[in-house]
């Protein structure tokens, strides 16, 4: 039960996060201490490229 002076914020009125999540490191780069190469993303042509 909420105590006197402790407001319980209404979380239903807050907007959802509109920013997409940051992609996580994948594979061996996630588990080792070596520097990882650039993250590869698929472009609209289906080819992989680094940002």
N, C-alpha and C. Protein backbone atom coordinates (compact mmCIF):
# COMPACT_ATOMS: atom_id res chain seq x y z
N UNK A 1 0.84 -1.17 0.00
CA UNK A 1 0.00 0.00 0.00
C UNK A 1 0.89 1.24 0.00
N UNK A 2 0.52 2.24 -0.77
CA UNK A 2 1.31 3.46 -0.85
C UNK A 2 1.18 4.25 0.45
N UNK A 3 2.31 4.77 0.91
CA UNK A 3 2.32 5.56 2.14
C UNK A 3 1.97 7.01 1.82
N UNK A 4 1.71 7.76 2.84
CA UNK A 4 1.37 9.16 2.68
C UNK A 4 2.57 9.90 2.08
N UNK A 5 2.39 10.61 1.01
CA UNK A 5 3.46 11.36 0.37
C UNK A 5 4.22 10.58 -0.68
N UNK A 6 3.91 9.30 -0.85
CA UNK A 6 4.58 8.49 -1.88
C UNK A 6 3.62 8.29 -3.04
N UNK A 7 3.76 9.12 -4.04
CA UNK A 7 2.87 9.03 -5.19
C UNK A 7 3.18 7.79 -6.00
N UNK A 8 2.17 7.13 -6.49
CA UNK A 8 2.36 5.98 -7.37
C UNK A 8 2.10 6.47 -8.79
N UNK A 9 3.14 6.60 -9.60
CA UNK A 9 2.95 7.14 -10.95
C UNK A 9 2.11 6.20 -11.81
N UNK A 10 1.31 6.80 -12.65
CA UNK A 10 0.49 6.02 -13.57
C UNK A 10 1.32 5.76 -14.83
N UNK A 11 1.76 4.53 -15.03
CA UNK A 11 2.63 4.21 -16.16
C UNK A 11 1.86 4.01 -17.46
N UNK A 12 0.55 4.03 -17.42
CA UNK A 12 -0.24 3.86 -18.64
C UNK A 12 -0.27 5.13 -19.50
N UNK A 13 -0.01 6.27 -18.89
CA UNK A 13 -0.06 7.53 -19.63
C UNK A 13 1.23 7.85 -20.35
N UNK A 14 2.32 7.13 -20.03
CA UNK A 14 3.62 7.41 -20.65
C UNK A 14 3.68 6.78 -22.03
N UNK A 15 4.24 7.48 -23.01
CA UNK A 15 4.34 6.89 -24.36
C UNK A 15 5.39 5.78 -24.40
N UNK A 16 5.23 4.85 -25.32
CA UNK A 16 6.21 3.79 -25.51
C UNK A 16 7.47 4.36 -26.14
N UNK A 17 8.57 3.66 -26.00
CA UNK A 17 9.83 4.07 -26.59
C UNK A 17 9.72 3.92 -28.11
N UNK A 18 9.91 5.00 -28.84
CA UNK A 18 9.77 4.96 -30.30
C UNK A 18 11.09 4.70 -31.00
N UNK A 19 12.21 4.71 -30.28
CA UNK A 19 13.53 4.48 -30.87
C UNK A 19 13.76 2.97 -30.95
N UNK A 20 14.20 2.46 -32.11
CA UNK A 20 14.43 1.02 -32.20
C UNK A 20 15.59 0.59 -31.31
N UNK A 21 15.60 -0.65 -30.83
CA UNK A 21 16.68 -1.10 -29.95
C UNK A 21 18.00 -1.20 -30.69
N UNK A 22 19.08 -1.04 -29.95
CA UNK A 22 20.42 -1.13 -30.52
C UNK A 22 20.74 -2.60 -30.76
N UNK A 23 21.25 -2.98 -31.95
CA UNK A 23 21.55 -4.39 -32.20
C UNK A 23 22.70 -4.87 -31.32
N UNK A 24 22.58 -6.11 -30.83
CA UNK A 24 23.62 -6.68 -29.98
C UNK A 24 24.73 -7.27 -30.82
N UNK A 25 25.91 -7.39 -30.20
CA UNK A 25 27.01 -8.08 -30.87
C UNK A 25 26.63 -9.55 -31.03
N UNK A 26 27.11 -10.16 -32.09
CA UNK A 26 26.74 -11.54 -32.38
C UNK A 26 27.96 -12.43 -32.42
N UNK A 27 27.75 -13.68 -32.03
CA UNK A 27 28.78 -14.70 -32.18
C UNK A 27 29.97 -14.51 -31.27
N UNK A 28 31.15 -14.75 -31.83
CA UNK A 28 32.38 -14.74 -31.05
C UNK A 28 32.69 -13.35 -30.50
N UNK A 29 32.29 -12.32 -31.18
CA UNK A 29 32.56 -10.96 -30.71
C UNK A 29 31.88 -10.69 -29.37
N UNK A 30 30.81 -11.40 -29.09
CA UNK A 30 30.09 -11.20 -27.84
C UNK A 30 30.81 -11.86 -26.67
N UNK A 31 31.58 -12.92 -26.92
CA UNK A 31 32.18 -13.70 -25.84
C UNK A 31 33.67 -13.48 -25.64
N UNK A 32 34.37 -12.84 -26.56
CA UNK A 32 35.82 -12.70 -26.44
C UNK A 32 36.20 -11.26 -26.13
N UNK A 33 37.46 -11.08 -25.78
CA UNK A 33 37.95 -9.73 -25.47
C UNK A 33 38.66 -9.10 -26.66
N UNK A 34 38.72 -9.81 -27.79
CA UNK A 34 39.32 -9.24 -29.00
C UNK A 34 38.40 -8.15 -29.55
N UNK A 35 39.01 -7.23 -30.27
CA UNK A 35 38.20 -6.19 -30.90
C UNK A 35 37.34 -6.81 -31.99
N UNK A 36 36.13 -6.39 -32.07
CA UNK A 36 35.20 -6.92 -33.07
C UNK A 36 35.30 -6.08 -34.33
N UNK A 37 35.01 -6.69 -35.45
CA UNK A 37 34.94 -5.97 -36.71
C UNK A 37 33.65 -5.17 -36.77
N UNK A 38 33.42 -4.46 -37.85
CA UNK A 38 32.20 -3.67 -37.96
C UNK A 38 30.96 -4.57 -38.05
N UNK A 39 29.87 -4.10 -37.49
CA UNK A 39 28.62 -4.84 -37.57
C UNK A 39 28.09 -4.74 -38.99
N UNK A 40 27.63 -5.84 -39.53
CA UNK A 40 27.14 -5.88 -40.90
C UNK A 40 25.62 -5.87 -40.90
N UNK A 41 25.06 -5.10 -41.80
CA UNK A 41 23.62 -4.99 -41.94
C UNK A 41 23.24 -5.25 -43.39
N UNK A 42 22.07 -5.81 -43.61
CA UNK A 42 21.58 -6.02 -44.97
C UNK A 42 20.97 -4.74 -45.49
N UNK A 43 21.35 -4.35 -46.70
CA UNK A 43 20.73 -3.17 -47.30
C UNK A 43 19.53 -3.62 -48.12
N UNK A 44 18.92 -2.68 -48.82
CA UNK A 44 17.70 -3.00 -49.57
C UNK A 44 17.93 -3.97 -50.72
N UNK A 45 19.19 -4.12 -51.17
CA UNK A 45 19.50 -5.06 -52.26
C UNK A 45 19.81 -6.46 -51.75
N UNK A 46 19.84 -6.64 -50.44
CA UNK A 46 20.12 -7.95 -49.87
C UNK A 46 21.59 -8.18 -49.59
N UNK A 47 22.44 -7.21 -49.89
CA UNK A 47 23.87 -7.34 -49.63
C UNK A 47 24.18 -6.84 -48.22
N UNK A 48 25.25 -7.37 -47.63
CA UNK A 48 25.67 -6.93 -46.31
C UNK A 48 26.63 -5.77 -46.44
N UNK A 49 26.48 -4.78 -45.55
CA UNK A 49 27.41 -3.66 -45.53
C UNK A 49 27.52 -3.14 -44.11
N UNK A 50 28.64 -2.50 -43.82
CA UNK A 50 28.86 -1.91 -42.50
C UNK A 50 28.35 -0.48 -42.50
N UNK A 51 27.87 -0.08 -41.36
CA UNK A 51 27.39 1.29 -41.25
C UNK A 51 28.49 2.22 -40.86
